[in-house]
Amino acid sequence: MVTLLNTLMALPTVVVGLLLFGLLSRQGPLGDWGLLFTPVAMILGQMVLATPIVANYVHAAVVGADARILPTLRSLGASPWQAARQLLCEVRFGIMAAVIAGFGRVIAEVGVAMMLGGNIRGTTRTMTTTIALETSKGEFVFGLSLGLILMTVALLVNLGLQFLQQR
């Protein structure tokens, strides 16, 4: 399972886009749901991309935790839910790193957003797809400006997560 997660961490966005496009297109098994070129399709694609990263980081955090935590909690009479909660508290920094890594993968993604969302103005256009569109139209300065805004958003989110981590 760990080898599969490690492999899926490098999953190319176009592969995810192609697979989900095939599933969600009108001829695909989920075509009747009409999800292609919608925000829902884009969210599905982003989830497929981020899940292996988050799962792998969380797994590494849990495996790296002190092996005596759960037996000690059980010997002190903790219920399984209480023990799981305490283990999560112990590995919270690893979980936060997992969330940040998953966020980083999603915020920088263009391929899935283009393939599954279609870059439709007012509906499925994201900042990354707008940057790609404007740059392809020769509007390099505008694309660069949007890139700086995107980096500012990423910085603010990471500052917020760091603040939460310190609490």
N, C-alpha and C. Protein backbone atom coordinates (compact mmCIF):
# COMPACT_ATOMS: atom_id res chain seq x y z
N MET A 1 0.82 -1.19 0.00
CA MET A 1 0.00 0.00 0.00
C MET A 1 0.87 1.26 0.00
N VAL A 2 1.95 1.25 0.78
CA VAL A 2 2.84 2.40 0.85
C VAL A 2 3.50 2.64 -0.51
N THR A 3 3.90 1.56 -1.17
CA THR A 3 4.51 1.70 -2.51
C THR A 3 3.51 2.30 -3.48
N LEU A 4 2.25 1.88 -3.40
CA LEU A 4 1.21 2.45 -4.25
C LEU A 4 1.03 3.94 -3.96
N LEU A 5 0.98 4.31 -2.69
CA LEU A 5 0.85 5.73 -2.34
C LEU A 5 2.04 6.54 -2.83
N ASN A 6 3.24 5.98 -2.68
CA ASN A 6 4.44 6.67 -3.17
C ASN A 6 4.37 6.88 -4.67
N THR A 7 3.88 5.88 -5.38
CA THR A 7 3.75 5.98 -6.83
C THR A 7 2.70 7.01 -7.21
N LEU A 8 1.57 7.00 -6.52
CA LEU A 8 0.49 7.92 -6.84
C LEU A 8 0.82 9.37 -6.50
N MET A 9 1.82 9.59 -5.64
CA MET A 9 2.23 10.97 -5.34
C MET A 9 2.76 11.67 -6.59
N ALA A 10 3.28 10.89 -7.53
CA ALA A 10 3.84 11.46 -8.76
C ALA A 10 2.86 11.34 -9.92
N LEU A 11 1.61 11.12 -9.62
CA LEU A 11 0.59 10.94 -10.65
C LEU A 11 0.50 12.18 -11.54
N PRO A 12 0.74 12.02 -12.83
CA PRO A 12 0.65 13.18 -13.73
C PRO A 12 -0.78 13.70 -13.82
N THR A 13 -0.91 15.02 -13.85
CA THR A 13 -2.24 15.61 -13.88
C THR A 13 -2.99 15.26 -15.15
N VAL A 14 -2.27 15.11 -16.26
CA VAL A 14 -2.97 14.78 -17.50
C VAL A 14 -3.53 13.36 -17.45
N VAL A 15 -2.87 12.46 -16.73
CA VAL A 15 -3.40 11.10 -16.58
C VAL A 15 -4.70 11.14 -15.78
N VAL A 16 -4.70 11.88 -14.69
CA VAL A 16 -5.91 12.03 -13.89
C VAL A 16 -7.00 12.67 -14.74
N GLY A 17 -6.64 13.72 -15.48
CA GLY A 17 -7.61 14.38 -16.35
C GLY A 17 -8.19 13.45 -17.39
N LEU A 18 -7.34 12.65 -18.02
CA LEU A 18 -7.83 11.71 -19.04
C LEU A 18 -8.75 10.65 -18.45
N LEU A 19 -8.35 10.08 -17.31
CA LEU A 19 -9.18 9.03 -16.70
C LEU A 19 -10.55 9.58 -16.27
N LEU A 20 -10.53 10.72 -15.60
CA LEU A 20 -11.81 11.30 -15.16
C LEU A 20 -12.61 11.83 -16.34
N PHE A 21 -11.94 12.36 -17.35
CA PHE A 21 -12.64 12.80 -18.55
C PHE A 21 -13.38 11.62 -19.18
N GLY A 22 -12.71 10.47 -19.26
CA GLY A 22 -13.35 9.27 -19.81
C GLY A 22 -14.53 8.81 -18.99
N LEU A 23 -14.41 8.91 -17.67
CA LEU A 23 -15.51 8.50 -16.80
C LEU A 23 -16.69 9.47 -16.85
N LEU A 24 -16.39 10.77 -16.97
CA LEU A 24 -17.44 11.79 -16.86
C LEU A 24 -18.01 12.25 -18.20
N SER A 25 -17.35 11.88 -19.31
CA SER A 25 -17.86 12.31 -20.62
C SER A 25 -19.19 11.63 -20.91
N ARG A 26 -19.91 12.14 -21.88
CA ARG A 26 -21.25 11.61 -22.18
C ARG A 26 -21.24 10.11 -22.51
N GLN A 27 -20.15 9.64 -23.12
CA GLN A 27 -20.06 8.22 -23.44
C GLN A 27 -19.53 7.39 -22.27
N GLY A 28 -19.04 8.05 -21.23
CA GLY A 28 -18.47 7.36 -20.08
C GLY A 28 -19.54 6.81 -19.15
N PRO A 29 -19.13 5.95 -18.22
CA PRO A 29 -20.09 5.34 -17.30
C PRO A 29 -20.81 6.34 -16.39
N LEU A 30 -20.20 7.49 -16.13
CA LEU A 30 -20.83 8.49 -15.28
C LEU A 30 -21.31 9.70 -16.08
N GLY A 31 -21.40 9.54 -17.39
CA GLY A 31 -21.78 10.64 -18.27
C GLY A 31 -23.17 11.17 -18.05
N ASP A 32 -24.08 10.32 -17.60
CA ASP A 32 -25.45 10.75 -17.37
C ASP A 32 -25.57 11.76 -16.23
N TRP A 33 -24.56 11.84 -15.39
CA TRP A 33 -24.59 12.77 -14.27
C TRP A 33 -24.31 14.19 -14.71
N GLY A 34 -23.76 14.37 -15.89
CA GLY A 34 -23.50 15.70 -16.43
C GLY A 34 -22.50 16.51 -15.63
N LEU A 35 -21.45 15.87 -15.14
CA LEU A 35 -20.48 16.55 -14.30
C LEU A 35 -19.30 17.17 -15.07
N LEU A 36 -19.08 16.71 -16.29
CA LEU A 36 -17.94 17.22 -17.04
C LEU A 36 -18.10 18.72 -17.28
N PHE A 37 -17.02 19.45 -17.18
CA PHE A 37 -16.98 20.92 -17.32
C PHE A 37 -17.78 21.62 -16.24
N THR A 38 -17.73 21.06 -15.04
CA THR A 38 -18.36 21.69 -13.88
C THR A 38 -17.32 21.79 -12.76
N PRO A 39 -17.58 22.65 -11.79
CA PRO A 39 -16.68 22.72 -10.63
C PRO A 39 -16.57 21.38 -9.89
N VAL A 40 -17.64 20.60 -9.88
CA VAL A 40 -17.61 19.29 -9.21
C VAL A 40 -16.56 18.39 -9.85
N ALA A 41 -16.49 18.37 -11.17
CA ALA A 41 -15.49 17.56 -11.86
C ALA A 41 -14.09 18.03 -11.50
N MET A 42 -13.90 19.32 -11.43
CA MET A 42 -12.60 19.86 -11.05
C MET A 42 -12.22 19.47 -9.63
N ILE A 43 -13.18 19.51 -8.73
CA ILE A 43 -12.93 19.13 -7.34
C ILE A 43 -12.56 17.66 -7.26
N LEU A 44 -13.27 16.82 -8.03
CA LEU A 44 -12.93 15.38 -8.06
C LEU A 44 -11.49 15.18 -8.50
N GLY A 45 -11.10 15.87 -9.56
CA GLY A 45 -9.73 15.76 -10.05
C GLY A 45 -8.71 16.22 -9.03
N GLN A 46 -9.00 17.33 -8.36
CA GLN A 46 -8.08 17.84 -7.34
C GLN A 46 -7.98 16.86 -6.16
N MET A 47 -9.09 16.24 -5.81
CA MET A 47 -9.07 15.26 -4.72
C MET A 47 -8.21 14.06 -5.09
N VAL A 48 -8.33 13.60 -6.33
CA VAL A 48 -7.52 12.46 -6.78
C VAL A 48 -6.04 12.81 -6.72
N LEU A 49 -5.69 14.05 -7.05
CA LEU A 49 -4.30 14.47 -7.02
C LEU A 49 -3.77 14.65 -5.59
N ALA A 50 -4.58 15.19 -4.71
CA ALA A 50 -4.11 15.52 -3.36
C ALA A 50 -4.17 14.34 -2.40
N THR A 51 -5.10 13.43 -2.58
CA THR A 51 -5.29 12.34 -1.62
C THR A 51 -4.04 11.49 -1.39
N PRO A 52 -3.34 11.05 -2.42
CA PRO A 52 -2.14 10.25 -2.14
C PRO A 52 -1.07 11.00 -1.35
N ILE A 53 -0.94 12.28 -1.61
CA ILE A 53 0.05 13.09 -0.89
C ILE A 53 -0.32 13.20 0.58
N VAL A 54 -1.56 13.56 0.83
CA VAL A 54 -2.02 13.72 2.22
C VAL A 54 -1.95 12.37 2.95
N ALA A 55 -2.42 11.31 2.31
CA ALA A 55 -2.41 9.99 2.95
C ALA A 55 -0.98 9.53 3.25
N ASN A 56 -0.06 9.78 2.34
CA ASN A 56 1.32 9.35 2.54
C ASN A 56 1.97 10.12 3.68
N TYR A 57 1.76 11.42 3.75
CA TYR A 57 2.34 12.23 4.83
C TYR A 57 1.73 11.84 6.18
N VAL A 58 0.42 11.63 6.21
CA VAL A 58 -0.22 11.24 7.47
C VAL A 58 0.28 9.87 7.90
N HIS A 59 0.41 8.96 6.96
CA HIS A 59 0.94 7.63 7.27
C HIS A 59 2.34 7.74 7.85
N ALA A 60 3.19 8.54 7.22
CA ALA A 60 4.56 8.71 7.72
C ALA A 60 4.55 9.31 9.13
N ALA A 61 3.65 10.25 9.39
CA ALA A 61 3.58 10.86 10.72
C ALA A 61 3.15 9.84 11.78
N VAL A 62 2.15 9.03 11.44
CA VAL A 62 1.65 8.04 12.39
C VAL A 62 2.69 6.96 12.65
N VAL A 63 3.34 6.48 11.59
CA VAL A 63 4.38 5.45 11.74
C VAL A 63 5.56 6.00 12.54
N GLY A 64 5.85 7.28 12.37
CA GLY A 64 6.97 7.90 13.07
C GLY A 64 6.68 8.27 14.52
N ALA A 65 5.44 8.14 14.94
CA ALA A 65 5.07 8.46 16.33
C ALA A 65 5.64 7.40 17.27
N ASP A 66 5.79 7.78 18.49
CA ASP A 66 6.30 6.87 19.51
C ASP A 66 5.37 5.65 19.62
N ALA A 67 5.94 4.47 19.49
CA ALA A 67 5.15 3.24 19.49
C ALA A 67 4.48 2.97 20.83
N ARG A 68 4.91 3.65 21.88
CA ARG A 68 4.35 3.40 23.22
C ARG A 68 3.08 4.19 23.48
N ILE A 69 2.70 5.08 22.57
CA ILE A 69 1.54 5.95 22.82
C ILE A 69 0.26 5.13 23.01
N LEU A 70 -0.08 4.32 22.02
CA LEU A 70 -1.35 3.57 22.10
C LEU A 70 -1.38 2.57 23.25
N PRO A 71 -0.33 1.74 23.45
CA PRO A 71 -0.38 0.84 24.61
C PRO A 71 -0.49 1.58 25.95
N THR A 72 0.18 2.71 26.06
CA THR A 72 0.09 3.49 27.30
C THR A 72 -1.33 4.01 27.51
N LEU A 73 -1.91 4.54 26.44
CA LEU A 73 -3.28 5.05 26.55
C LEU A 73 -4.27 3.94 26.89
N ARG A 74 -4.09 2.77 26.28
CA ARG A 74 -4.99 1.64 26.60
C ARG A 74 -4.84 1.22 28.06
N SER A 75 -3.57 1.19 28.54
CA SER A 75 -3.36 0.79 29.93
C SER A 75 -3.94 1.79 30.92
N LEU A 76 -4.08 3.04 30.48
CA LEU A 76 -4.67 4.07 31.33
C LEU A 76 -6.19 4.12 31.21
N GLY A 77 -6.76 3.22 30.39
CA GLY A 77 -8.21 3.11 30.28
C GLY A 77 -8.85 3.95 29.20
N ALA A 78 -8.07 4.44 28.28
CA ALA A 78 -8.63 5.26 27.20
C ALA A 78 -9.45 4.38 26.26
N SER A 79 -10.56 4.93 25.80
CA SER A 79 -11.37 4.23 24.80
C SER A 79 -10.64 4.30 23.46
N PRO A 80 -11.04 3.48 22.49
CA PRO A 80 -10.40 3.57 21.18
C PRO A 80 -10.49 4.97 20.57
N TRP A 81 -11.63 5.66 20.76
CA TRP A 81 -11.78 7.02 20.23
C TRP A 81 -10.85 7.99 20.94
N GLN A 82 -10.73 7.86 22.25
CA GLN A 82 -9.84 8.73 23.01
C GLN A 82 -8.38 8.49 22.61
N ALA A 83 -8.03 7.23 22.40
CA ALA A 83 -6.66 6.90 22.00
C ALA A 83 -6.36 7.45 20.61
N ALA A 84 -7.32 7.32 19.69
CA ALA A 84 -7.12 7.85 18.33
C ALA A 84 -6.98 9.36 18.37
N ARG A 85 -7.79 10.01 19.19
CA ARG A 85 -7.73 11.47 19.30
C ARG A 85 -6.37 11.91 19.84
N GLN A 86 -5.89 11.22 20.86
CA GLN A 86 -4.59 11.58 21.43
C GLN A 86 -3.46 11.32 20.44
N LEU A 87 -3.55 10.23 19.69
CA LEU A 87 -2.54 9.95 18.67
C LEU A 87 -2.54 11.06 17.62
N LEU A 88 -3.72 11.50 17.21
CA LEU A 88 -3.81 12.61 16.25
C LEU A 88 -3.19 13.88 16.83
N CYS A 89 -3.39 14.12 18.11
CA CYS A 89 -2.76 15.29 18.74
C CYS A 89 -1.24 15.17 18.71
N GLU A 90 -0.74 13.97 18.90
CA GLU A 90 0.71 13.76 18.91
C GLU A 90 1.34 13.95 17.53
N VAL A 91 0.59 13.62 16.49
CA VAL A 91 1.15 13.71 15.13
C VAL A 91 0.59 14.90 14.36
N ARG A 92 0.04 15.88 15.08
CA ARG A 92 -0.62 17.01 14.43
C ARG A 92 0.30 17.79 13.51
N PHE A 93 1.58 17.88 13.82
CA PHE A 93 2.49 18.63 12.94
C PHE A 93 2.69 17.90 11.62
N GLY A 94 2.74 16.58 11.66
CA GLY A 94 2.82 15.80 10.42
C GLY A 94 1.54 15.90 9.61
N ILE A 95 0.41 15.95 10.29
CA ILE A 95 -0.87 16.10 9.59
C ILE A 95 -0.96 17.48 8.96
N MET A 96 -0.49 18.50 9.67
CA MET A 96 -0.49 19.84 9.10
C MET A 96 0.43 19.90 7.88
N ALA A 97 1.57 19.24 7.95
CA ALA A 97 2.47 19.19 6.79
C ALA A 97 1.77 18.49 5.62
N ALA A 98 0.97 17.48 5.91
CA ALA A 98 0.23 16.77 4.87
C ALA A 98 -0.78 17.69 4.21
N VAL A 99 -1.49 18.47 5.02
CA VAL A 99 -2.48 19.40 4.49
C VAL A 99 -1.80 20.47 3.63
N ILE A 100 -0.68 20.98 4.10
CA ILE A 100 0.04 22.01 3.34
C ILE A 100 0.55 21.44 2.02
N ALA A 101 1.07 20.22 2.04
CA ALA A 101 1.55 19.61 0.79
C ALA A 101 0.41 19.35 -0.18
N GLY A 102 -0.73 18.88 0.32
CA GLY A 102 -1.89 18.67 -0.54
C GLY A 102 -2.40 19.98 -1.11
N PHE A 103 -2.43 21.02 -0.29
CA PHE A 103 -2.83 22.34 -0.76
C PHE A 103 -1.88 22.84 -1.84
N GLY A 104 -0.59 22.63 -1.63
CA GLY A 104 0.40 23.05 -2.63
C GLY A 104 0.20 22.36 -3.96
N ARG A 105 -0.15 21.08 -3.93
CA ARG A 105 -0.39 20.34 -5.16
C ARG A 105 -1.62 20.90 -5.89
N VAL A 106 -2.65 21.19 -5.14
CA VAL A 106 -3.92 21.62 -5.74
C VAL A 106 -3.85 23.06 -6.25
N ILE A 107 -3.22 23.95 -5.48
CA ILE A 107 -3.22 25.36 -5.87
C ILE A 107 -2.37 25.60 -7.12
N ALA A 108 -1.40 24.74 -7.37
CA ALA A 108 -0.51 24.93 -8.51
C ALA A 108 -0.97 24.16 -9.75
N GLU A 109 -2.07 23.49 -9.68
CA GLU A 109 -2.50 22.56 -10.72
C GLU A 109 -3.24 23.27 -11.87
N VAL A 110 -2.90 22.88 -13.09
CA VAL A 110 -3.55 23.44 -14.28
C VAL A 110 -4.22 22.35 -15.11
N GLY A 111 -3.54 21.22 -15.30
CA GLY A 111 -3.99 20.18 -16.23
C GLY A 111 -5.39 19.66 -15.97
N VAL A 112 -5.65 19.23 -14.76
CA VAL A 112 -6.97 18.70 -14.42
C VAL A 112 -8.03 19.78 -14.54
N ALA A 113 -7.70 20.99 -14.10
CA ALA A 113 -8.67 22.09 -14.18
C ALA A 113 -9.05 22.37 -15.62
N MET A 114 -8.08 22.33 -16.52
CA MET A 114 -8.36 22.58 -17.95
C MET A 114 -9.18 21.44 -18.56
N MET A 115 -8.76 20.21 -18.28
CA MET A 115 -9.40 19.06 -18.92
C MET A 115 -10.81 18.80 -18.40
N LEU A 116 -11.00 18.97 -17.11
CA LEU A 116 -12.30 18.63 -16.52
C LEU A 116 -13.23 19.83 -16.38
N GLY A 117 -12.63 21.02 -16.27
CA GLY A 117 -13.44 22.22 -16.11
C GLY A 117 -13.67 22.97 -17.39
N GLY A 118 -12.74 22.85 -18.34
CA GLY A 118 -12.91 23.50 -19.62
C GLY A 118 -12.55 24.98 -19.64
N ASN A 119 -12.12 25.53 -18.50
CA ASN A 119 -11.72 26.93 -18.44
C ASN A 119 -12.84 27.87 -18.90
N ILE A 120 -14.05 27.60 -18.45
CA ILE A 120 -15.22 28.38 -18.85
C ILE A 120 -15.32 29.63 -17.98
N ARG A 121 -15.31 30.78 -18.63
CA ARG A 121 -15.33 32.05 -17.91
C ARG A 121 -16.57 32.14 -17.01
N GLY A 122 -16.34 32.50 -15.75
CA GLY A 122 -17.43 32.67 -14.81
C GLY A 122 -17.92 31.39 -14.17
N THR A 123 -17.41 30.25 -14.62
CA THR A 123 -17.88 28.98 -14.07
C THR A 123 -16.72 28.12 -13.58
N THR A 124 -15.81 27.78 -14.48
CA THR A 124 -14.73 26.85 -14.12
C THR A 124 -13.34 27.42 -14.35
N ARG A 125 -13.26 28.70 -14.61
CA ARG A 125 -11.94 29.30 -14.80
C ARG A 125 -11.31 29.55 -13.43
N THR A 126 -10.08 29.06 -13.28
CA THR A 126 -9.34 29.27 -12.03
C THR A 126 -8.20 30.24 -12.30
N MET A 127 -7.51 30.61 -11.24
CA MET A 127 -6.42 31.54 -11.43
C MET A 127 -5.30 30.91 -12.26
N THR A 128 -5.02 29.63 -12.05
CA THR A 128 -3.95 28.99 -12.82
C THR A 128 -4.33 28.86 -14.29
N THR A 129 -5.58 28.53 -14.56
CA THR A 129 -5.98 28.42 -15.97
C THR A 129 -6.03 29.80 -16.63
N THR A 130 -6.36 30.83 -15.86
CA THR A 130 -6.34 32.19 -16.39
C THR A 130 -4.91 32.61 -16.72
N ILE A 131 -3.97 32.26 -15.85
CA ILE A 131 -2.57 32.57 -16.11
C ILE A 131 -2.12 31.90 -17.41
N ALA A 132 -2.46 30.63 -17.58
CA ALA A 132 -2.09 29.92 -18.81
C ALA A 132 -2.75 30.56 -20.03
N LEU A 133 -4.01 30.92 -19.92
CA LEU A 133 -4.74 31.54 -21.03
C LEU A 133 -4.14 32.89 -21.40
N GLU A 134 -3.93 33.73 -20.43
CA GLU A 134 -3.42 35.08 -20.70
C GLU A 134 -2.00 35.03 -21.26
N THR A 135 -1.19 34.14 -20.76
CA THR A 135 0.17 34.01 -21.28
C THR A 135 0.15 33.52 -22.71
N SER A 136 -0.75 32.57 -23.03
CA SER A 136 -0.83 32.08 -24.41
C SER A 136 -1.34 33.15 -25.37
N LYS A 137 -2.07 34.13 -24.84
CA LYS A 137 -2.55 35.24 -25.66
C LYS A 137 -1.49 36.33 -25.80
N GLY A 138 -0.33 36.15 -25.15
CA GLY A 138 0.72 37.14 -25.23
C GLY A 138 0.69 38.17 -24.12
N GLU A 139 -0.21 38.01 -23.17
CA GLU A 139 -0.34 38.94 -22.05
C GLU A 139 0.53 38.48 -20.89
N PHE A 140 1.85 38.48 -21.12
CA PHE A 140 2.79 37.96 -20.14
C PHE A 140 2.75 38.74 -18.83
N VAL A 141 2.70 40.05 -18.90
CA VAL A 141 2.70 40.88 -17.69
C VAL A 141 1.46 40.61 -16.85
N PHE A 142 0.31 40.47 -17.50
CA PHE A 142 -0.92 40.17 -16.77
C PHE A 142 -0.84 38.78 -16.13
N GLY A 143 -0.32 37.82 -16.89
CA GLY A 143 -0.15 36.47 -16.35
C GLY A 143 0.80 36.46 -15.17
N LEU A 144 1.88 37.23 -15.27
CA LEU A 144 2.84 37.33 -14.17
C LEU A 144 2.21 38.00 -12.95
N SER A 145 1.39 39.01 -13.18
CA SER A 145 0.69 39.67 -12.08
C SER A 145 -0.25 38.71 -11.37
N LEU A 146 -0.98 37.92 -12.15
CA LEU A 146 -1.86 36.92 -11.54
C LEU A 146 -1.05 35.87 -10.77
N GLY A 147 0.11 35.53 -11.30
CA GLY A 147 0.98 34.59 -10.61
C GLY A 147 1.44 35.12 -9.25
N LEU A 148 1.74 36.42 -9.21
CA LEU A 148 2.13 37.03 -7.93
C LEU A 148 0.96 37.04 -6.95
N ILE A 149 -0.24 37.29 -7.46
CA ILE A 149 -1.43 37.24 -6.60
C ILE A 149 -1.64 35.82 -6.07
N LEU A 150 -1.47 34.84 -6.94
CA LEU A 150 -1.62 33.45 -6.53
C LEU A 150 -0.59 33.08 -5.45
N MET A 151 0.62 33.53 -5.62
CA MET A 151 1.66 33.27 -4.62
C MET A 151 1.33 33.97 -3.30
N THR A 152 0.74 35.15 -3.37
CA THR A 152 0.33 35.86 -2.16
C THR A 152 -0.77 35.09 -1.43
N VAL A 153 -1.72 34.57 -2.19
CA VAL A 153 -2.79 33.75 -1.59
C VAL A 153 -2.18 32.53 -0.91
N ALA A 154 -1.26 31.87 -1.59
CA ALA A 154 -0.60 30.69 -1.02
C ALA A 154 0.15 31.06 0.26
N LEU A 155 0.83 32.20 0.24
CA LEU A 155 1.56 32.66 1.42
C LEU A 155 0.60 32.91 2.58
N LEU A 156 -0.51 33.59 2.31
CA LEU A 156 -1.47 33.89 3.37
C LEU A 156 -2.09 32.62 3.95
N VAL A 157 -2.42 31.67 3.09
CA VAL A 157 -2.97 30.40 3.58
C VAL A 157 -1.94 29.67 4.44
N ASN A 158 -0.70 29.65 3.98
CA ASN A 158 0.35 28.97 4.75
C ASN A 158 0.63 29.69 6.07
N LEU A 159 0.58 31.01 6.08
CA LEU A 159 0.73 31.74 7.34
C LEU A 159 -0.40 31.39 8.31
N GLY A 160 -1.63 31.29 7.78
CA GLY A 160 -2.76 30.89 8.61
C GLY A 160 -2.59 29.48 9.16
N LEU A 161 -2.14 28.57 8.32
CA LEU A 161 -1.92 27.20 8.79
C LEU A 161 -0.78 27.14 9.81
N GLN A 162 0.25 27.93 9.61
CA GLN A 162 1.35 27.97 10.58
C GLN A 162 0.86 28.52 11.92
N PHE A 163 -0.01 29.52 11.86
CA PHE A 163 -0.59 30.08 13.09
C PHE A 163 -1.38 29.00 13.83
N LEU A 164 -2.18 28.25 13.09
CA LEU A 164 -2.94 27.16 13.71
C LEU A 164 -2.02 26.09 14.29
N GLN A 165 -0.95 25.82 13.58
CA GLN A 165 0.00 24.79 14.03
C GLN A 165 0.66 25.19 15.34
N GLN A 166 0.93 26.46 15.51
CA GLN A 166 1.59 26.92 16.73
C GLN A 166 0.64 26.92 17.92
N ARG A 167 -0.65 26.96 17.66
CA ARG A 167 -1.61 26.90 18.77
C ARG A 167 -1.69 25.50 19.24
